[in-house]
């Protein structure tokens, strides 16, 4: 888990939004390898294991179906992952292409429920959330883009859009209807690509300092 990404993580439980407090146990450069994230509102704790923040306990992940340099190039180009500032969200099986994507972009990549054989670090961070998630545990409008895999539901698509900044891109399976708040840019037989148009809903943030 890249240390600066900790600042955009949020507790997934239903209460007012706040930053999480980090207690790092093992660090490799700027990556948190093992540690604990604590919520000061509900006092929940979430472990970081091998660079993955575990917001839900899931069965051992399945290996990826295989990485593709061509697909990595396609994802980077469609999401317009230029520059070095910010991060993008890659959901589910698409995380298999993340190592190759990092060869093409300097942006940090946050993988949601990543394949078991994808190693975190060197620009890759991970989170696990339950398969029925309807909210991503990140700050609203904080991501530079999001790519959603074929298991995504309509409610998860809407939640994914909430996580990206206005003007950022959303890549969705073609089977999902395009919701309000985005403008279509392109589509093929697999995906539609859109840009977020509307501003995020605002909510109060509880100010905290990181525990050392």
Foldseek 3Di string as FASTA:
>chain_A
DQQVQQQFFWQPDPDFTERWAWDADDDDVRARAWTWTADPPPGDIWIHHLQETESDDDPQFAAAPAEDLVVLVVVCVLQVQEDQDFEEEEEENSLRHVVSNVVVHNHAYEYESYGNPDGDDPRYGYYYDDLPDLAGRGHFQRHQEYEYDPSDDQSNQVNRLRRHHAFGKYKYFPVHDDDPQWAWDDDDNGITMTGGHDGHDDGDYDDDDHDD
